[in-house]
Structures are given as structure tokens and as C-alpha cells.
């Protein structure tokens, strides 16, 4: 039996807790594509504005405000279809209690033409506070804007785009081998400024698992040691997604990603890896499972 990539992603969402969320009043037309998004959101407000009469829920918050860093890892979108796209964020609460979130999708960055909005099931430590939703019933070849709310804070505004049902031209940027220790992510920043891109394709080595100073010494890693455990890989992705250039690329464009080897360990194979020492780093299957879980969370 063969399954589509989308079905594979849905099954894999056991790690990332993705859910299917239909848009409530998806309408045609394109959002503005002339410039990259300039508005990154104001995290000081406690209520989403009432856009009036669109029949969609609005966000309200009456509790204590969460920290200003609630959305410190930005927003992202990916794997666009003609009628769907996955939206992602991570919340960083003040304590380890579960956090409920809310999302909005609109045809304009002012969110005056909303097409979807709803509450999201609470996220928690079991998925490293990541949130991943699959918004469906969208229009093909259309630019959408999205944002999240949690604990009275609002995320940066992301921009995404659905795939074309019929077309002769597609602009794709291809990236790979993002070694944090070797330097800075200027290429990601350049991609963020390109308003003509339909998709960014990352073909692997999104992270590197090495410890600080082992392979590149321009920037220090967190953790400073090699990634082996679930917590190690989570900390490494948090570090990568705290990079503002990478955040901006994700905020501006949908990504489609696949892995190579460094998402787990250098030169991996079915029973181990060149960069895995059984005597000091435990069972290969446990390391591979931890890295795989975190890959789907992030």
C-alpha cells in the first residue's frame, strides 16, 4: 500500500499534534504580494479586535498576561496544497502548565477579511509546546496571512500561499546544510525579502547534531554537547528557531522539508551512524526515535 506525502504527514502528526481545521468562509481572491510582510504583530494587547459580522470566533483573554516571549520562536507554514496548508508555532509559557491557543487566517494582513479562526487544543510539554494545525478548504494559488494568540499575547503575522491547480510558472528556493556553527544565516534573510517565491524547499540538514567546536566554531551550540536525547534535540531546534533570519524566512514563505542525516546523526544507516557510539550514547533506536519525534514537533 502506498500513501501520499500528506497522509504521511497526518499520521506523523501524532508527534506534532496536528489537526484538521476547515476554514469557515474561505473566499477567492489573492492577498497582496507586492511586498514582504512588514507588520510582525503587537504582543501587548489582550484581545483580538472584533472584525464584525464574519461569523468567526474572536479571541478574548481575561487572565494574567503571559510573558512577552510567549512567541519567541516565531511562526511558520508548510506543505501547501491547492486547498490546505499547515500552520505552526511554539509557545514559551512562564510555567509548565498546558496552554490553549487561538489562530486566525485572513486574505489581508490587517485581518479584515478573515477566512478561518478557532481555538486550538492545549499544547504542553509532551510536544515541547509546539502547535501544528492543518487548515483546509482554502482557495488555490492564494496568499493568506495568519497569526496565533496565547495567554493574552499575539504572535508575529505570517504569510503563506496555497499551491496552484494549473500553472506554467513556479518560483522555488532550494536550501540545505544549515550549519549554525559555521556562520550566520544571511541566505535565509535574503529569501525572506523575496516576494516572488511560491515555496522554499529545504532538502535536509536543517540542523546539525554536533557539539560546540566540533564542526564549525563561529557560533556556540545549545546544548554545547552533541545531541543524543529528546531534550538535546529540542534544545537544538529551539536554538535554530531563535535565529531571526531563519524565523523571517519561515514567516514570509511556506516551506516543504525533508531530512538528510544530521537531523539525527552524521552518516546514519538502519542500524547506527558514523556519529553514534553505542557504548557512550546508548541504543541507536532510542536516539533515532527521539530525533524523529522532535523533527515532527518542530
Protein backbone atom coordinates (compact mmCIF):
# COMPACT_ATOMS: atom_id res chain seq x y z
CA UNK A 1 0.00 0.00 0.00
CA UNK A 2 1.28 3.46 -0.86
CA UNK A 3 0.23 6.67 0.87
CA UNK A 4 0.59 10.28 -0.16
CA UNK A 5 3.03 12.66 1.49
CA UNK A 6 0.07 14.48 3.00
CA UNK A 7 -1.30 11.31 4.55
CA UNK A 8 2.16 10.52 5.86
CA UNK A 9 2.29 13.96 7.46
CA UNK A 10 -1.11 13.45 9.02
CA UNK A 11 -0.07 10.13 10.50
CA UNK A 12 3.22 11.59 11.66
CA UNK A 13 1.28 14.37 13.38
CA UNK A 14 0.99 12.03 16.35
CA UNK A 15 4.31 13.68 17.25
CA UNK A 16 3.35 17.23 16.39
CA UNK A 17 -0.33 17.08 17.34
CA UNK A 18 -1.61 18.44 14.04
CA UNK A 19 -5.35 18.60 13.49
CA UNK A 20 -7.54 19.34 10.52
CA UNK A 21 -9.24 22.72 10.82
CA UNK A 22 -11.51 23.83 7.97
CA UNK A 23 -11.73 27.45 7.03
CA UNK A 24 -15.21 28.68 7.83
CA UNK A 25 -15.77 31.10 4.98
CA UNK A 26 -12.92 30.74 2.53
CA UNK A 27 -13.37 33.14 -0.33
CA UNK A 28 -11.47 33.71 -3.54
CA UNK A 29 -9.00 36.36 -4.47
CA UNK A 30 -5.37 36.96 -3.66
CA UNK A 31 -3.72 38.79 -0.85
CA UNK A 32 -1.19 41.48 -1.62
CA UNK A 33 2.04 40.03 -3.00
CA UNK A 34 3.88 43.28 -3.73
CA UNK A 35 5.97 43.33 -0.56
CA UNK A 36 7.03 41.09 2.26
CA UNK A 37 5.01 41.49 5.42
CA UNK A 38 6.08 44.49 7.41
CA UNK A 39 3.83 44.05 10.46
CA UNK A 40 5.15 41.47 12.89
CA UNK A 41 2.31 41.87 15.38
CA UNK A 42 1.90 43.75 18.66
CA UNK A 43 2.29 41.39 21.59
CA UNK A 44 1.00 43.85 24.16
CA UNK A 45 -2.72 43.51 23.53
CA UNK A 46 -5.08 41.22 25.40
CA UNK A 47 -7.95 40.96 22.92
CA UNK A 48 -8.33 40.29 19.23
CA UNK A 49 -10.25 43.07 17.52
CA UNK A 50 -13.86 42.37 16.52
CA UNK A 51 -13.78 42.37 12.74
CA UNK A 52 -17.58 42.41 12.69
CA UNK A 53 -20.10 40.04 11.22
CA UNK A 54 -17.91 37.38 9.61
CA UNK A 55 -19.37 34.64 11.79
CA UNK A 56 -15.96 33.56 13.08
CA UNK A 57 -14.86 33.40 16.71
CA UNK A 58 -12.69 36.16 18.12
CA UNK A 59 -10.02 35.89 20.78
CA UNK A 60 -10.52 37.29 24.27
CA UNK A 61 -8.34 36.90 27.32
CA UNK A 62 -9.17 37.82 30.90
CA UNK A 63 -6.37 36.04 32.75
CA UNK A 64 -2.88 37.12 33.66
CA UNK A 65 -0.73 38.05 30.67
CA UNK A 66 1.86 35.55 29.63
CA UNK A 67 5.49 36.63 29.19
CA UNK A 68 6.33 38.87 26.26
CA UNK A 69 8.44 35.99 24.93
CA UNK A 70 5.46 33.64 24.50
CA UNK A 71 6.02 33.54 20.72
CA UNK A 72 9.79 33.88 20.77
CA UNK A 73 10.25 31.12 18.15
CA UNK A 74 8.10 32.80 15.54
CA UNK A 75 5.57 31.24 13.18
CA UNK A 76 5.85 29.01 10.12
CA UNK A 77 3.79 27.37 7.41
CA UNK A 78 4.41 24.48 5.10
CA UNK A 79 3.39 21.70 2.71
CA UNK A 80 0.83 23.78 0.83
CA UNK A 81 -1.81 22.03 -1.26
CA UNK A 82 -4.30 23.71 -3.58
CA UNK A 83 -6.79 23.81 -0.69
CA UNK A 84 -4.77 23.44 2.51
CA UNK A 85 -1.63 24.47 4.36
CA UNK A 86 -0.03 23.55 7.67
CA UNK A 87 0.49 26.37 10.20
CA UNK A 88 2.98 26.13 13.06
CA UNK A 89 4.14 27.99 16.12
CA UNK A 90 5.58 27.32 19.56
CA UNK A 91 4.59 28.96 22.82
CA UNK A 92 7.03 29.60 25.68
CA UNK A 93 4.90 29.90 28.84
CA UNK A 94 6.10 31.03 32.24
CA UNK A 95 5.47 27.58 33.77
CA UNK A 96 4.90 24.04 32.54
CA UNK A 97 1.10 24.10 32.58
CA UNK A 98 -0.82 23.31 29.35
CA UNK A 99 -1.52 26.33 27.14
CA UNK A 100 -4.56 26.91 24.96
CA UNK A 101 -4.12 28.90 21.77
CA UNK A 102 -6.21 30.57 19.09
CA UNK A 103 -5.48 31.17 15.41
CA UNK A 104 -6.74 33.39 12.59
CA UNK A 105 -6.28 33.22 8.81
CA UNK A 106 -7.16 36.10 6.51
CA UNK A 107 -6.77 37.35 2.97
CA UNK A 108 -5.16 40.59 4.17
CA UNK A 109 -2.51 41.41 6.79
CA UNK A 110 -4.97 43.67 8.64
CA UNK A 111 -7.25 40.63 9.18
CA UNK A 112 -10.30 42.47 7.92
CA UNK A 113 -11.07 39.58 5.52
CA UNK A 114 -10.81 36.58 7.80
CA UNK A 115 -11.48 33.13 6.36
CA UNK A 116 -10.72 30.94 9.40
CA UNK A 117 -10.43 31.34 13.16
CA UNK A 118 -10.78 28.97 16.08
CA UNK A 119 -9.40 27.72 19.37
CA UNK A 120 -6.72 25.04 19.29
CA UNK A 121 -6.41 22.14 21.70
CA UNK A 122 -3.97 22.85 24.51
CA UNK A 123 -0.29 22.21 23.91
CA UNK A 124 2.10 21.06 26.62
CA UNK A 125 5.47 19.54 27.42
CA UNK A 126 4.61 16.28 25.62
CA UNK A 127 5.12 18.11 22.30
CA UNK A 128 7.53 20.78 23.55
CA UNK A 129 4.71 23.36 23.41
CA UNK A 130 4.65 23.28 19.62
CA UNK A 131 1.38 23.80 17.74
CA UNK A 132 0.70 22.44 14.28
CA UNK A 133 -2.65 22.71 12.50
CA UNK A 134 -3.75 21.78 9.01
CA UNK A 135 -6.12 24.45 7.69
CA UNK A 136 -8.26 23.13 4.83
CA UNK A 137 -10.95 24.37 2.41
CA UNK A 138 -8.74 27.18 1.14
CA UNK A 139 -8.55 28.58 -2.39
CA UNK A 140 -5.74 27.58 -4.80
CA UNK A 141 -2.86 29.92 -5.67
CA UNK A 142 -3.88 32.37 -2.96
CA UNK A 143 -1.83 34.31 -0.43
CA UNK A 144 -3.06 34.11 3.16
CA UNK A 145 -1.97 35.76 6.38
CA UNK A 146 -2.13 34.08 9.78
CA UNK A 147 -1.38 34.62 13.44
CA UNK A 148 -1.76 32.91 16.80
CA UNK A 149 -2.85 34.05 20.25
CA UNK A 150 -1.95 32.57 23.63
CA UNK A 151 -2.06 33.88 27.20
CA UNK A 152 -3.18 37.29 26.01
CA UNK A 153 -0.28 37.65 23.59
CA UNK A 154 -0.34 37.70 19.80
CA UNK A 155 2.27 36.15 17.53
CA UNK A 156 4.03 37.73 14.57
CA UNK A 157 1.92 37.73 11.41
CA UNK A 158 2.90 35.03 8.97
CA UNK A 159 2.30 34.88 5.24
CA UNK A 160 1.69 31.70 3.29
CA UNK A 161 0.45 30.64 -0.12
CA UNK A 162 -1.52 27.68 -1.42
CA UNK A 163 -0.42 25.68 -4.44
CA UNK A 164 -1.69 26.33 -7.94
CA UNK A 165 -4.15 23.90 -9.52
CA UNK A 166 -2.94 24.78 -13.01
CA UNK A 167 0.08 26.86 -13.88
CA UNK A 168 3.13 27.21 -16.04
CA UNK A 169 5.45 29.02 -13.64
CA UNK A 170 6.54 28.25 -10.09
CA UNK A 171 9.27 30.00 -8.11
CA UNK A 172 11.02 27.70 -5.65
CA UNK A 173 14.04 28.45 -3.48
CA UNK A 174 16.15 25.42 -2.51
CA UNK A 175 18.22 25.40 0.69
CA UNK A 176 20.17 22.80 2.66
CA UNK A 177 23.03 22.14 5.09
CA UNK A 178 22.32 24.86 7.66
CA UNK A 179 25.32 24.63 9.94
CA UNK A 180 24.72 27.11 12.76
CA UNK A 181 28.30 26.77 13.97
CA UNK A 182 29.81 27.77 10.63
CA UNK A 183 28.29 31.25 10.43
CA UNK A 184 25.18 33.34 10.06
CA UNK A 185 22.00 32.72 8.10
CA UNK A 186 22.16 35.63 5.65
CA UNK A 187 20.73 33.42 2.90
CA UNK A 188 17.54 32.92 4.90
CA UNK A 189 17.22 36.68 5.34
CA UNK A 190 17.67 37.19 1.59
CA UNK A 191 14.92 34.64 0.89
CA UNK A 192 12.62 36.42 3.33
CA UNK A 193 12.88 39.55 1.20
CA UNK A 194 11.83 37.77 -1.98
CA UNK A 195 8.13 38.46 -2.60
CA UNK A 196 8.08 36.33 -5.75
CA UNK A 197 8.62 32.92 -4.13
CA UNK A 198 5.89 30.29 -4.03
CA UNK A 199 7.77 27.81 -1.85
CA UNK A 200 11.04 27.21 -0.02
CA UNK A 201 12.27 23.63 -0.36
CA UNK A 202 14.65 22.51 2.38
CA UNK A 203 16.33 19.29 1.30
CA UNK A 204 17.93 18.36 4.59
CA UNK A 205 20.45 19.00 7.34
CA UNK A 206 18.09 21.61 8.77
CA UNK A 207 20.10 21.26 11.98
CA UNK A 208 23.46 19.75 12.86
CA UNK A 209 23.76 17.47 15.87
CA UNK A 210 27.43 18.12 16.73
CA UNK A 211 28.66 19.75 19.92
CA UNK A 212 30.21 23.21 20.01
CA UNK A 213 33.62 23.47 18.34
CA UNK A 214 33.38 20.04 16.74
CA UNK A 215 32.30 21.13 13.27
CA UNK A 216 32.47 24.91 12.90
CA UNK A 217 33.32 27.38 15.65
CA UNK A 218 31.71 30.71 14.69
CA UNK A 219 28.66 30.24 16.93
CA UNK A 220 28.15 28.14 20.05
CA UNK A 221 25.50 25.45 20.18
CA UNK A 222 22.83 24.75 22.76
CA UNK A 223 23.23 22.25 24.17
CA UNK A 224 27.01 22.62 23.91
CA UNK A 225 27.33 18.84 23.73
CA UNK A 226 26.28 16.53 20.91
CA UNK A 227 22.53 15.91 20.58
CA UNK A 228 21.54 12.44 21.74
CA UNK A 229 18.42 12.69 23.93
CA UNK A 230 14.94 14.09 23.37
CA UNK A 231 15.81 17.19 25.39
CA UNK A 232 19.05 17.67 23.44
CA UNK A 233 17.28 17.75 20.08
CA UNK A 234 14.54 20.02 21.38
CA UNK A 235 17.09 22.49 22.69
CA UNK A 236 18.91 22.44 19.35
CA UNK A 237 15.75 23.24 17.39
CA UNK A 238 14.86 26.00 19.86
CA UNK A 239 18.30 27.48 19.24
CA UNK A 240 17.93 27.33 15.46
CA UNK A 241 14.43 28.81 15.53
CA UNK A 242 15.60 31.64 17.78
CA UNK A 243 17.74 32.83 14.83
CA UNK A 244 15.91 35.89 13.49
CA UNK A 245 16.92 35.31 9.88
CA UNK A 246 15.54 31.77 9.87
CA UNK A 247 12.40 32.98 11.65
CA UNK A 248 11.84 35.62 9.00
CA UNK A 249 12.18 33.14 6.14
CA UNK A 250 9.57 30.92 7.77
CA UNK A 251 7.31 33.89 8.45
CA UNK A 252 7.32 35.03 4.85
CA UNK A 253 7.13 31.75 2.91
CA UNK A 254 5.71 28.24 3.17
CA UNK A 255 8.36 25.52 3.44
CA UNK A 256 8.43 21.91 2.29
CA UNK A 257 11.14 19.94 4.06
CA UNK A 258 12.79 16.57 4.01
CA UNK A 259 15.65 15.34 6.16
CA UNK A 260 19.15 14.22 5.34
CA UNK A 261 21.31 12.72 8.10
CA UNK A 262 22.24 15.45 10.57
CA UNK A 263 18.66 15.77 11.79
CA UNK A 264 19.64 12.58 13.62
CA UNK A 265 23.40 11.88 13.25
CA UNK A 266 26.09 12.01 10.59
CA UNK A 267 26.04 9.20 8.02
CA UNK A 268 23.18 7.28 9.56
CA UNK A 269 22.07 3.85 8.39
CA UNK A 270 19.41 1.37 9.53
CA UNK A 271 21.45 0.09 12.45
CA UNK A 272 23.52 3.08 13.53
CA UNK A 273 25.54 6.07 12.33
CA UNK A 274 29.12 7.18 11.89
CA UNK A 275 28.47 9.73 14.62
CA UNK A 276 26.87 7.33 17.11
CA UNK A 277 28.87 5.49 19.74
CA UNK A 278 26.88 2.66 21.25
CA UNK A 279 29.00 2.39 24.39
CA UNK A 280 28.60 6.04 25.41
CA UNK A 281 25.44 7.25 23.63
CA UNK A 282 23.01 4.38 24.21
CA UNK A 283 20.86 2.46 21.79
CA UNK A 284 20.67 3.84 18.26
CA UNK A 285 16.92 3.14 18.05
CA UNK A 286 16.26 5.37 21.08
CA UNK A 287 18.30 8.23 19.65
CA UNK A 288 16.65 7.90 16.25
CA UNK A 289 13.18 7.88 17.84
CA UNK A 290 13.94 11.00 19.89
CA UNK A 291 15.30 12.91 16.91
CA UNK A 292 12.37 11.85 14.74
CA UNK A 293 9.82 12.99 17.32
CA UNK A 294 11.45 16.41 17.62
CA UNK A 295 11.70 16.76 13.84
CA UNK A 296 7.94 16.37 13.55
CA UNK A 297 7.30 18.68 16.51
CA UNK A 298 9.41 21.47 15.00
